[in-house]
Amino acid sequence: MVNIQKAAVIGCGFVGSTIAYTLMQKGTFSELVLIDAVQAKGEGEAMDISHGLPFAHAMDITSGSYEDISDAAVVIITAGANQKPGETRLDLVQKNSRIMKSIIREIRRVNCEGILLIVSNPVDILTQVALKESGFPKERVIGSGTVLDTARLKYLISEKLDVDSRNVHAFIAGEHGDSELAVWSCANIYGIGLRDFAKMRGYGDFTKEMEEIYHGVRDSAYEIIERKGATYYGIGMAAAKIAEAIVRDSHTVAPVSVSLNGEYGLEGLCLSIPTIIGNKGAEQILEINLSEEEMRLLKKSADELKEVLSQIRD
């Protein structure tokens, strides 16, 4: 039986440990199990994070094995090789797909019936690998997708227009990576169209700024990696938000990576699309009326990912 108050994090590097720390601060679960290929690493992270519990919420944080997560409601997978300076997310595909397959085999072995949240990169590819290897229903395998990219988009728009980022409604779709697209046709500030709001803030034509913002979103991971070697705070908060939507059954809309079965004319791959998330996982993929150019870019992104998927060796 699934324990809705229990989660697991597989992979205790920068990203995994940051997700665990964020979940502890939010008090999302009552039990959290950490697993790492290096057992001592998982133990150390569990000890360190647990020492902050007197300042946060009551919670049981332990390091364990796959047998300890058979009843976890959410299994967050972050394990994999890190993205190095100058390396694209897709460069990681071969080595990380092998790691993902080995993890999924262990999850199947212990008959875990929880929801898989894939964070490892390249996330859309590895979500598809996890779905295929697990044999789980597609709603139970979700990738963190472009949730972080969307937060970056909202932040950069808010900075440019000097407005609270929580009032910005916009999202990134497609690949979590170089072929992603900003869905400008839906972007608004508190219900006011983006271009109209920009005019209110003194911009005659916001096209150049929109291009700058898009490139800032797309290239931000490379910029951060170049400066500090890795990204983990933003994705830690993004993954925790998705996990929270699952455990609290909040029916949150977020552009997670999900398996497409004809939506937007696409199938046979996982791609980041606005989706309603609840305690069953990906409850409903939303088909939004994209512009003609946005549809072209979405299909281009899908084609690039399909090409990579065809190159993965079994």
C-alpha atoms as a PDB file:
ATOM      1  CA  MET A   1       0.000   0.000   0.000  1.00  0.00           C
ATOM      2  CA  VAL A   2       1.231   3.493  -0.867  1.00  0.00           C
ATOM      3  CA  ASN A   3       1.956   5.849   2.018  1.00  0.00           C
ATOM      4  CA  ILE A   4       0.938   9.267   0.687  1.00  0.00           C
ATOM      5  CA  GLN A   5       3.124  10.940   3.337  1.00  0.00           C
ATOM      6  CA  LYS A   6       6.303   9.167   2.236  1.00  0.00           C
ATOM      7  CA  ALA A   7       8.757  10.164  -0.478  1.00  0.00           C
ATOM      8  CA  ALA A   8      12.164   9.049  -1.676  1.00  0.00           C
ATOM      9  CA  VAL A   9      15.030  10.874  -3.336  1.00  0.00           C
ATOM     10  CA  ILE A  10      17.374   8.737  -5.433  1.00  0.00           C
ATOM     11  CA  GLY A  11      20.681  10.501  -6.009  1.00  0.00           C
ATOM     12  CA  CYS A  12      22.098  12.717  -3.253  1.00  0.00           C
ATOM     13  CA  GLY A  13      24.258  15.089  -5.256  1.00  0.00           C
ATOM     14  CA  PHE A  14      23.690  18.850  -5.314  1.00  0.00           C
ATOM     15  CA  VAL A  15      20.214  18.537  -6.855  1.00  0.00           C
ATOM     16  CA  GLY A  16      18.962  15.595  -4.815  1.00  0.00           C
ATOM     17  CA  SER A  17      20.152  16.981  -1.491  1.00  0.00           C
ATOM     18  CA  THR A  18      18.687  20.405  -2.296  1.00  0.00           C
ATOM     19  CA  ILE A  19      15.312  18.815  -3.100  1.00  0.00           C
ATOM     20  CA  ALA A  20      15.446  16.902   0.201  1.00  0.00           C
ATOM     21  CA  TYR A  21      16.337  20.085   2.088  1.00  0.00           C
ATOM     22  CA  THR A  22      13.505  21.998   0.415  1.00  0.00           C
ATOM     23  CA  LEU A  23      10.974  19.262   1.202  1.00  0.00           C
ATOM     24  CA  MET A  24      12.095  19.316   4.835  1.00  0.00           C
ATOM     25  CA  GLN A  25      11.639  23.084   5.063  1.00  0.00           C
ATOM     26  CA  LYS A  26       8.179  22.890   3.473  1.00  0.00           C
ATOM     27  CA  GLY A  27       7.089  19.952   5.644  1.00  0.00           C
ATOM     28  CA  THR A  28       5.544  18.289   2.612  1.00  0.00           C
ATOM     29  CA  PHE A  29       6.058  14.701   3.811  1.00  0.00           C
ATOM     30  CA  SER A  30       6.347  12.950   7.163  1.00  0.00           C
ATOM     31  CA  GLU A  31       8.898  10.430   5.858  1.00  0.00           C
ATOM     32  CA  LEU A  32      11.765  10.946   3.438  1.00  0.00           C
ATOM     33  CA  VAL A  33      14.228   8.249   2.378  1.00  0.00           C
ATOM     34  CA  LEU A  34      17.503   9.171   0.669  1.00  0.00           C
ATOM     35  CA  ILE A  35      19.336   6.712  -1.571  1.00  0.00           C
ATOM     36  CA  ASP A  36      22.721   7.207  -3.181  1.00  0.00           C
ATOM     37  CA  ALA A  37      25.147   4.928  -5.022  1.00  0.00           C
ATOM     38  CA  VAL A  38      27.655   5.906  -2.326  1.00  0.00           C
ATOM     39  CA  GLN A  39      25.865   4.849   0.849  1.00  0.00           C
ATOM     40  CA  ALA A  40      27.881   7.140   3.092  1.00  0.00           C
ATOM     41  CA  LYS A  41      26.832  10.145   0.999  1.00  0.00           C
ATOM     42  CA  GLY A  42      23.142   9.374   1.553  1.00  0.00           C
ATOM     43  CA  GLU A  43      23.765   8.846   5.259  1.00  0.00           C
ATOM     44  CA  GLY A  44      25.628  12.123   5.585  1.00  0.00           C
ATOM     45  CA  GLU A  45      22.931  14.121   3.802  1.00  0.00           C
ATOM     46  CA  ALA A  46      20.177  12.523   5.920  1.00  0.00           C
ATOM     47  CA  MET A  47      22.087  13.372   9.104  1.00  0.00           C
ATOM     48  CA  ASP A  48      22.859  16.948   8.050  1.00  0.00           C
ATOM     49  CA  ILE A  49      19.307  17.767   6.936  1.00  0.00           C
ATOM     50  CA  SER A  50      17.794  16.073  10.016  1.00  0.00           C
ATOM     51  CA  HIS A  51      19.768  18.381  12.267  1.00  0.00           C
ATOM     52  CA  GLY A  52      17.647  21.262  10.957  1.00  0.00           C
ATOM     53  CA  LEU A  53      14.344  19.634  11.973  1.00  0.00           C
ATOM     54  CA  PRO A  54      14.084  21.546  15.276  1.00  0.00           C
ATOM     55  CA  PHE A  55      13.795  24.703  13.143  1.00  0.00           C
ATOM     56  CA  ALA A  56      11.256  23.272  10.692  1.00  0.00           C
ATOM     57  CA  HIS A  57       8.634  20.507  10.706  1.00  0.00           C
ATOM     58  CA  ALA A  58       8.423  17.076  12.325  1.00  0.00           C
ATOM     59  CA  MET A  59       9.710  14.586   9.793  1.00  0.00           C
ATOM     60  CA  ASP A  60      11.625  11.289   9.624  1.00  0.00           C
ATOM     61  CA  ILE A  61      14.628  11.620   7.271  1.00  0.00           C
ATOM     62  CA  THR A  62      16.728   8.498   6.759  1.00  0.00           C
ATOM     63  CA  SER A  63      19.209   6.960   4.353  1.00  0.00           C
ATOM     64  CA  GLY A  64      18.082   3.589   3.068  1.00  0.00           C
ATOM     65  CA  SER A  65      17.898   1.006   0.311  1.00  0.00           C
ATOM     66  CA  TYR A  66      15.338   0.299  -2.395  1.00  0.00           C
ATOM     67  CA  GLU A  67      13.463  -2.029  -0.040  1.00  0.00           C
ATOM     68  CA  ASP A  68      12.727   1.020   2.118  1.00  0.00           C
ATOM     69  CA  ILE A  69      10.860   2.853  -0.655  1.00  0.00           C
ATOM     70  CA  SER A  70       8.396   0.194  -1.806  1.00  0.00           C
ATOM     71  CA  ASP A  71       5.520   2.158  -0.213  1.00  0.00           C
ATOM     72  CA  ALA A  72       6.705   5.676  -1.184  1.00  0.00           C
ATOM     73  CA  ALA A  73       4.047   7.826  -2.833  1.00  0.00           C
ATOM     74  CA  VAL A  74       6.606   9.873  -4.761  1.00  0.00           C
ATOM     75  CA  VAL A  75      10.030   8.695  -5.930  1.00  0.00           C
ATOM     76  CA  ILE A  76      12.210  11.592  -7.083  1.00  0.00           C
ATOM     77  CA  ILE A  77      15.096  10.508  -9.300  1.00  0.00           C
ATOM     78  CA  THR A  78      18.014  12.898  -9.672  1.00  0.00           C
ATOM     79  CA  ALA A  79      20.859  10.389 -10.125  1.00  0.00           C
ATOM     80  CA  GLY A  80      23.108  10.784 -13.125  1.00  0.00           C
ATOM     81  CA  ALA A  81      26.256  12.361 -14.466  1.00  0.00           C
ATOM     82  CA  ASN A  82      26.509  16.131 -14.065  1.00  0.00           C
ATOM     83  CA  GLN A  83      26.401  18.547 -16.956  1.00  0.00           C
ATOM     84  CA  LYS A  84      29.887  19.911 -17.504  1.00  0.00           C
ATOM     85  CA  PRO A  85      30.813  23.374 -18.848  1.00  0.00           C
ATOM     86  CA  GLY A  86      30.302  23.449 -22.618  1.00  0.00           C
ATOM     87  CA  GLU A  87      28.246  20.250 -22.550  1.00  0.00           C
ATOM     88  CA  THR A  88      24.592  20.205 -23.618  1.00  0.00           C
ATOM     89  CA  ARG A  89      21.950  18.256 -21.739  1.00  0.00           C
ATOM     90  CA  LEU A  90      21.640  15.919 -24.705  1.00  0.00           C
ATOM     91  CA  ASP A  91      25.342  15.027 -24.494  1.00  0.00           C
ATOM     92  CA  LEU A  92      24.475  13.254 -21.264  1.00  0.00           C
ATOM     93  CA  VAL A  93      21.922  10.941 -22.823  1.00  0.00           C
ATOM     94  CA  GLN A  94      23.829   7.686 -23.263  1.00  0.00           C
ATOM     95  CA  LYS A  95      25.427   7.449 -19.833  1.00  0.00           C
ATOM     96  CA  ASN A  96      22.409   8.732 -17.959  1.00  0.00           C
ATOM     97  CA  SER A  97      19.969   6.466 -19.783  1.00  0.00           C
ATOM     98  CA  ARG A  98      21.997   3.478 -18.559  1.00  0.00           C
ATOM     99  CA  ILE A  99      21.891   4.814 -15.007  1.00  0.00           C
ATOM    100  CA  MET A 100      18.139   5.416 -15.272  1.00  0.00           C
ATOM    101  CA  LYS A 101      17.483   1.878 -16.508  1.00  0.00           C
ATOM    102  CA  SER A 102      19.394   0.398 -13.579  1.00  0.00           C
ATOM    103  CA  ILE A 103      17.394   2.505 -11.090  1.00  0.00           C
ATOM    104  CA  ILE A 104      14.051   1.584 -12.640  1.00  0.00           C
ATOM    105  CA  ARG A 105      14.934  -2.107 -12.476  1.00  0.00           C
ATOM    106  CA  GLU A 106      15.422  -1.738  -8.712  1.00  0.00           C
ATOM    107  CA  ILE A 107      12.157   0.181  -8.312  1.00  0.00           C
ATOM    108  CA  ARG A 108      10.301  -2.562 -10.156  1.00  0.00           C
ATOM    109  CA  ARG A 109      12.023  -5.250  -8.101  1.00  0.00           C
ATOM    110  CA  VAL A 110      10.573  -3.880  -4.851  1.00  0.00           C
ATOM    111  CA  ASN A 111       7.119  -3.414  -6.441  1.00  0.00           C
ATOM    112  CA  CYS A 112       6.944   0.312  -5.762  1.00  0.00           C
ATOM    113  CA  GLU A 113       3.537   1.691  -6.775  1.00  0.00           C
ATOM    114  CA  GLY A 114       4.277   5.369  -6.297  1.00  0.00           C
ATOM    115  CA  ILE A 115       4.663   8.165  -8.825  1.00  0.00           C
ATOM    116  CA  LEU A 116       8.060   8.642 -10.457  1.00  0.00           C
ATOM    117  CA  LEU A 117       9.302  12.223 -10.705  1.00  0.00           C
ATOM    118  CA  ILE A 118      12.302  12.338 -13.031  1.00  0.00           C
ATOM    119  CA  VAL A 119      14.688  15.266 -12.576  1.00  0.00           C
ATOM    120  CA  SER A 120      17.894  13.825 -14.095  1.00  0.00           C
ATOM    121  CA  ASN A 121      18.968  15.380 -17.393  1.00  0.00           C
ATOM    122  CA  PRO A 122      18.208  15.280 -20.246  1.00  0.00           C
ATOM    123  CA  VAL A 123      14.888  15.094 -18.441  1.00  0.00           C
ATOM    124  CA  ASP A 124      12.483  14.594 -21.373  1.00  0.00           C
ATOM    125  CA  ILE A 125      14.566  11.739 -22.753  1.00  0.00           C
ATOM    126  CA  LEU A 126      15.031  10.103 -19.355  1.00  0.00           C
ATOM    127  CA  THR A 127      11.330  10.420 -18.541  1.00  0.00           C
ATOM    128  CA  GLN A 128      10.620   8.441 -21.714  1.00  0.00           C
ATOM    129  CA  VAL A 129      13.272   5.872 -20.720  1.00  0.00           C
ATOM    130  CA  ALA A 130      11.756   5.559 -17.233  1.00  0.00           C
ATOM    131  CA  LEU A 131       8.255   5.148 -18.673  1.00  0.00           C
ATOM    132  CA  LYS A 132       9.356   2.418 -21.078  1.00  0.00           C
ATOM    133  CA  GLU A 133      11.478   0.532 -18.523  1.00  0.00           C
ATOM    134  CA  SER A 134       8.960   0.731 -15.679  1.00  0.00           C
ATOM    135  CA  GLY A 135       5.861  -0.293 -17.601  1.00  0.00           C
ATOM    136  CA  PHE A 136       3.942   2.113 -15.340  1.00  0.00           C
ATOM    137  CA  PRO A 137       0.800   3.891 -16.572  1.00  0.00           C
ATOM    138  CA  LYS A 138       1.898   7.121 -18.228  1.00  0.00           C
ATOM    139  CA  GLU A 139       0.264   9.307 -15.570  1.00  0.00           C
ATOM    140  CA  ARG A 140       2.632   7.839 -12.951  1.00  0.00           C
ATOM    141  CA  VAL A 141       5.831   8.908 -14.729  1.00  0.00           C
ATOM    142  CA  ILE A 142       6.454  12.665 -14.785  1.00  0.00           C
ATOM    143  CA  GLY A 143       9.542  14.698 -15.613  1.00  0.00           C
ATOM    144  CA  SER A 144      10.315  18.054 -13.990  1.00  0.00           C
ATOM    145  CA  GLY A 145      10.289  19.350 -17.565  1.00  0.00           C
ATOM    146  CA  THR A 146      10.284  23.101 -18.081  1.00  0.00           C
ATOM    147  CA  VAL A 147       8.912  24.035 -14.658  1.00  0.00           C
ATOM    148  CA  LEU A 148      12.216  25.695 -13.756  1.00  0.00           C
ATOM    149  CA  ASP A 149      12.538  27.299 -17.216  1.00  0.00           C
ATOM    150  CA  THR A 150       9.045  28.724 -16.712  1.00  0.00           C
ATOM    151  CA  ALA A 151      10.079  30.206 -13.355  1.00  0.00           C
ATOM    152  CA  ARG A 152      13.110  31.743 -15.049  1.00  0.00           C
ATOM    153  CA  LEU A 153      10.835  33.199 -17.746  1.00  0.00           C
ATOM    154  CA  LYS A 154       8.506  34.732 -15.165  1.00  0.00           C
ATOM    155  CA  TYR A 155      11.444  36.149 -13.232  1.00  0.00           C
ATOM    156  CA  LEU A 156      13.100  37.748 -16.282  1.00  0.00           C
ATOM    157  CA  ILE A 157       9.800  39.231 -17.490  1.00  0.00           C
ATOM    158  CA  SER A 158       9.174  40.643 -14.019  1.00  0.00           C
ATOM    159  CA  GLU A 159      12.659  42.177 -13.922  1.00  0.00           C
ATOM    160  CA  LYS A 160      12.222  43.786 -17.331  1.00  0.00           C
ATOM    161  CA  LEU A 161       8.763  45.206 -16.537  1.00  0.00           C
ATOM    162  CA  ASP A 162       9.432  45.916 -12.841  1.00  0.00           C
ATOM    163  CA  VAL A 163       6.455  43.907 -11.611  1.00  0.00           C
ATOM    164  CA  ASP A 164       5.955  41.121  -9.054  1.00  0.00           C
ATOM    165  CA  SER A 165       6.952  37.819 -10.687  1.00  0.00           C
ATOM    166  CA  ARG A 166       3.918  36.161  -9.054  1.00  0.00           C
ATOM    167  CA  ASN A 167       1.696  38.329 -11.271  1.00  0.00           C
ATOM    168  CA  VAL A 168       3.410  37.057 -14.416  1.00  0.00           C
ATOM    169  CA  HIS A 169       1.632  34.212 -16.228  1.00  0.00           C
ATOM    170  CA  ALA A 170       3.725  32.652 -18.967  1.00  0.00           C
ATOM    171  CA  PHE A 171       5.386  29.325 -19.658  1.00  0.00           C
ATOM    172  CA  ILE A 172       8.080  27.470 -21.560  1.00  0.00           C
ATOM    173  CA  ALA A 173       7.148  24.310 -23.510  1.00  0.00           C
ATOM    174  CA  GLY A 174       8.955  21.632 -25.519  1.00  0.00           C
ATOM    175  CA  GLU A 175      12.334  20.249 -24.575  1.00  0.00           C
ATOM    176  CA  HIS A 176      13.947  21.264 -21.304  1.00  0.00           C
ATOM    177  CA  GLY A 177      16.938  22.451 -23.268  1.00  0.00           C
ATOM    178  CA  ASP A 178      18.106  24.227 -26.376  1.00  0.00           C
ATOM    179  CA  SER A 179      14.987  23.683 -28.518  1.00  0.00           C
ATOM    180  CA  GLU A 180      12.497  24.878 -25.899  1.00  0.00           C
ATOM    181  CA  LEU A 181      10.039  27.630 -26.811  1.00  0.00           C
ATOM    182  CA  ALA A 182       8.394  30.489 -24.969  1.00  0.00           C
ATOM    183  CA  VAL A 183       4.634  30.450 -25.539  1.00  0.00           C
ATOM    184  CA  TRP A 184       4.273  34.186 -25.924  1.00  0.00           C
ATOM    185  CA  SER A 185       0.703  33.967 -27.265  1.00  0.00           C
ATOM    186  CA  CYS A 186      -0.499  33.042 -23.745  1.00  0.00           C
ATOM    187  CA  ALA A 187       1.756  35.394 -21.760  1.00  0.00           C
ATOM    188  CA  ASN A 188       0.025  37.986 -19.607  1.00  0.00           C
ATOM    189  CA  ILE A 189       0.469  40.093 -16.496  1.00  0.00           C
ATOM    190  CA  TYR A 190      -2.535  39.665 -14.199  1.00  0.00           C
ATOM    191  CA  GLY A 191      -4.746  39.028 -17.226  1.00  0.00           C
ATOM    192  CA  ILE A 192      -3.315  41.880 -19.303  1.00  0.00           C
ATOM    193  CA  GLY A 193      -1.600  40.749 -22.514  1.00  0.00           C
ATOM    194  CA  LEU A 194       2.197  40.956 -22.299  1.00  0.00           C
ATOM    195  CA  ARG A 195       2.623  43.487 -25.122  1.00  0.00           C
ATOM    196  CA  ASP A 196      -0.227  45.633 -23.800  1.00  0.00           C
ATOM    197  CA  PHE A 197       1.276  45.639 -20.327  1.00  0.00           C
ATOM    198  CA  ALA A 198       4.694  46.482 -21.768  1.00  0.00           C
ATOM    199  CA  LYS A 199       3.145  49.551 -23.450  1.00  0.00           C
ATOM    200  CA  MET A 200       1.722  50.589 -20.081  1.00  0.00           C
ATOM    201  CA  ARG A 201       5.276  50.386 -18.738  1.00  0.00           C
ATOM    202  CA  GLY A 202       6.670  52.621 -21.473  1.00  0.00           C
ATOM    203  CA  TYR A 203       7.730  50.160 -24.187  1.00  0.00           C
ATOM    204  CA  GLY A 204       6.652  50.952 -27.740  1.00  0.00           C
ATOM    205  CA  ASP A 205       7.541  47.538 -29.139  1.00  0.00           C
ATOM    206  CA  PHE A 206       8.513  44.718 -26.790  1.00  0.00           C
ATOM    207  CA  THR A 207       9.752  42.289 -29.480  1.00  0.00           C
ATOM    208  CA  LYS A 208      13.474  42.837 -28.920  1.00  0.00           C
ATOM    209  CA  GLU A 209      13.064  42.482 -25.164  1.00  0.00           C
ATOM    210  CA  MET A 210      11.066  39.264 -25.600  1.00  0.00           C
ATOM    211  CA  GLU A 211      13.903  37.818 -27.670  1.00  0.00           C
ATOM    212  CA  GLU A 212      16.431  38.795 -25.021  1.00  0.00           C
ATOM    213  CA  ILE A 213      14.291  37.249 -22.296  1.00  0.00           C
ATOM    214  CA  TYR A 214      13.901  33.981 -24.229  1.00  0.00           C
ATOM    215  CA  HIS A 215      17.646  33.664 -24.790  1.00  0.00           C
ATOM    216  CA  GLY A 216      18.224  34.510 -21.141  1.00  0.00           C
ATOM    217  CA  VAL A 217      15.946  31.636 -20.110  1.00  0.00           C
ATOM    218  CA  ARG A 218      17.362  29.149 -22.597  1.00  0.00           C
ATOM    219  CA  ASP A 219      20.989  29.889 -21.783  1.00  0.00           C
ATOM    220  CA  SER A 220      20.704  30.511 -18.033  1.00  0.00           C
ATOM    221  CA  ALA A 221      21.785  26.988 -17.018  1.00  0.00           C
ATOM    222  CA  TYR A 222      24.977  27.348 -19.079  1.00  0.00           C
ATOM    223  CA  GLU A 223      25.626  30.758 -17.515  1.00  0.00           C
ATOM    224  CA  ILE A 224      25.197  29.379 -13.991  1.00  0.00           C
ATOM    225  CA  ILE A 225      27.294  26.266 -14.672  1.00  0.00           C
ATOM    226  CA  GLU A 226      30.078  28.429 -16.082  1.00  0.00           C
ATOM    227  CA  ARG A 227      30.088  30.526 -12.917  1.00  0.00           C
ATOM    228  CA  LYS A 228      29.507  27.988 -10.127  1.00  0.00           C
ATOM    229  CA  GLY A 229      29.728  24.545 -11.726  1.00  0.00           C
ATOM    230  CA  ALA A 230      26.130  23.377 -11.291  1.00  0.00           C
ATOM    231  CA  THR A 231      22.521  24.489 -10.845  1.00  0.00           C
ATOM    232  CA  TYR A 232      20.543  23.158  -7.895  1.00  0.00           C
ATOM    233  CA  TYR A 233      18.595  25.758  -5.899  1.00  0.00           C
ATOM    234  CA  GLY A 234      16.076  26.575  -8.627  1.00  0.00           C
ATOM    235  CA  ILE A 235      15.477  22.966  -9.675  1.00  0.00           C
ATOM    236  CA  GLY A 236      15.317  21.936  -6.011  1.00  0.00           C
ATOM    237  CA  MET A 237      12.415  24.312  -5.447  1.00  0.00           C
ATOM    238  CA  ALA A 238      10.754  23.360  -8.746  1.00  0.00           C
ATOM    239  CA  ALA A 239      10.849  19.615  -8.021  1.00  0.00           C
ATOM    240  CA  ALA A 240       9.579  20.188  -4.487  1.00  0.00           C
ATOM    241  CA  LYS A 241       6.649  22.177  -5.916  1.00  0.00           C
ATOM    242  CA  ILE A 242       5.703  19.270  -8.204  1.00  0.00           C
ATOM    243  CA  ALA A 243       5.976  16.772  -5.325  1.00  0.00           C
ATOM    244  CA  GLU A 244       3.812  19.057  -3.196  1.00  0.00           C
ATOM    245  CA  ALA A 245       1.146  19.180  -5.929  1.00  0.00           C
ATOM    246  CA  ILE A 246       1.041  15.373  -5.913  1.00  0.00           C
ATOM    247  CA  VAL A 247       0.848  14.810  -2.154  1.00  0.00           C
ATOM    248  CA  ARG A 248      -1.645  17.635  -1.568  1.00  0.00           C
ATOM    249  CA  ASP A 249      -3.735  16.743  -4.629  1.00  0.00           C
ATOM    250  CA  SER A 250      -3.792  20.425  -5.507  1.00  0.00           C
ATOM    251  CA  HIS A 251      -4.532  19.995  -9.240  1.00  0.00           C
ATOM    252  CA  THR A 252      -1.715  22.393 -10.036  1.00  0.00           C
ATOM    253  CA  VAL A 253      -1.037  23.313 -13.669  1.00  0.00           C
ATOM    254  CA  ALA A 254       2.654  23.091 -14.586  1.00  0.00           C
ATOM    255  CA  PRO A 255       4.656  22.368 -17.771  1.00  0.00           C
ATOM    256  CA  VAL A 256       5.966  18.957 -16.725  1.00  0.00           C
ATOM    257  CA  SER A 257       7.389  16.358 -19.087  1.00  0.00           C
ATOM    258  CA  VAL A 258       4.653  13.848 -19.918  1.00  0.00           C
ATOM    259  CA  SER A 259       4.047  11.104 -22.449  1.00  0.00           C
ATOM    260  CA  LEU A 260       2.096  12.400 -25.434  1.00  0.00           C
ATOM    261  CA  ASN A 261      -0.481  10.238 -27.164  1.00  0.00           C
ATOM    262  CA  GLY A 262      -1.757  12.387 -29.994  1.00  0.00           C
ATOM    263  CA  GLU A 263      -1.884  15.697 -28.157  1.00  0.00           C
ATOM    264  CA  TYR A 264      -0.598  18.491 -30.410  1.00  0.00           C
ATOM    265  CA  GLY A 265      -0.296  15.816 -33.119  1.00  0.00           C
ATOM    266  CA  LEU A 266       2.628  14.228 -31.263  1.00  0.00           C
ATOM    267  CA  GLU A 267       3.167  10.771 -29.810  1.00  0.00           C
ATOM    268  CA  GLY A 268       5.885   8.336 -28.835  1.00  0.00           C
ATOM    269  CA  LEU A 269       7.849  10.757 -26.661  1.00  0.00           C
ATOM    270  CA  CYS A 270       7.759  12.804 -23.476  1.00  0.00           C
ATOM    271  CA  LEU A 271       7.692  16.562 -23.832  1.00  0.00           C
ATOM    272  CA  SER A 272       7.060  19.469 -21.485  1.00  0.00           C
ATOM    273  CA  ILE A 273       3.440  20.572 -21.803  1.00  0.00           C
ATOM    274  CA  PRO A 274       1.090  22.309 -19.320  1.00  0.00           C
ATOM    275  CA  THR A 275      -0.488  19.491 -17.312  1.00  0.00           C
ATOM    276  CA  ILE A 276      -2.800  19.233 -14.308  1.00  0.00           C
ATOM    277  CA  ILE A 277      -0.981  17.459 -11.451  1.00  0.00           C
ATOM    278  CA  GLY A 278      -2.636  15.734  -8.488  1.00  0.00           C
ATOM    279  CA  ASN A 279      -2.310  12.626  -6.367  1.00  0.00           C
ATOM    280  CA  LYS A 280      -2.743  10.384  -9.398  1.00  0.00           C
ATOM    281  CA  GLY A 281       0.185  12.102 -11.114  1.00  0.00           C
ATOM    282  CA  ALA A 282      -0.355  13.673 -14.528  1.00  0.00           C
ATOM    283  CA  GLU A 283      -4.135  13.983 -14.452  1.00  0.00           C
ATOM    284  CA  GLN A 284      -4.723  15.821 -17.717  1.00  0.00           C
ATOM    285  CA  ILE A 285      -2.523  17.166 -20.490  1.00  0.00           C
ATOM    286  CA  LEU A 286      -3.864  20.542 -21.587  1.00  0.00           C
ATOM    287  CA  GLU A 287      -4.140  21.211 -25.317  1.00  0.00           C
ATOM    288  CA  ILE A 288      -3.744  24.949 -25.689  1.00  0.00           C
ATOM    289  CA  ASN A 289      -4.363  26.891 -28.880  1.00  0.00           C
ATOM    290  CA  LEU A 290      -0.798  27.705 -29.839  1.00  0.00           C
ATOM    291  CA  SER A 291       0.069  30.086 -32.644  1.00  0.00           C
ATOM    292  CA  GLU A 292       1.178  28.647 -35.969  1.00  0.00           C
ATOM    293  CA  GLU A 293       4.804  29.561 -35.239  1.00  0.00           C
ATOM    294  CA  GLU A 294       4.636  28.043 -31.754  1.00  0.00           C
ATOM    295  CA  MET A 295       3.270  24.790 -33.169  1.00  0.00           C
ATOM    296  CA  ARG A 296       6.105  24.723 -35.679  1.00  0.00           C
ATOM    297  CA  LEU A 297       8.675  25.212 -32.931  1.00  0.00           C
ATOM    298  CA  LEU A 298       7.030  22.580 -30.709  1.00  0.00           C
ATOM    299  CA  LYS A 299       7.148  20.005 -33.502  1.00  0.00           C
ATOM    300  CA  LYS A 300      10.745  20.949 -34.263  1.00  0.00           C
ATOM    301  CA  SER A 301      11.618  20.383 -30.601  1.00  0.00           C
ATOM    302  CA  ALA A 302       9.823  17.024 -30.691  1.00  0.00           C
ATOM    303  CA  ASP A 303      11.685  15.972 -33.842  1.00  0.00           C
ATOM    304  CA  GLU A 304      15.032  16.742 -32.201  1.00  0.00           C
ATOM    305  CA  LEU A 305      14.146  14.662 -29.148  1.00  0.00           C
ATOM    306  CA  LYS A 306      12.887  11.767 -31.290  1.00  0.00           C
ATOM    307  CA  GLU A 307      16.209  11.761 -33.115  1.00  0.00           C
ATOM    308  CA  VAL A 308      18.040  11.433 -29.795  1.00  0.00           C
ATOM    309  CA  LEU A 309      15.667   8.704 -28.592  1.00  0.00           C
ATOM    310  CA  SER A 310      16.395   6.696 -31.738  1.00  0.00           C
ATOM    311  CA  GLN A 311      20.095   6.750 -30.857  1.00  0.00           C
ATOM    312  CA  ILE A 312      19.753   5.321 -27.353  1.00  0.00           C
ATOM    313  CA  ARG A 313      21.255   1.851 -27.179  1.00  0.00           C
ATOM    314  CA  ASP A 314      19.344  -0.832 -25.291  1.00  0.00           C
END
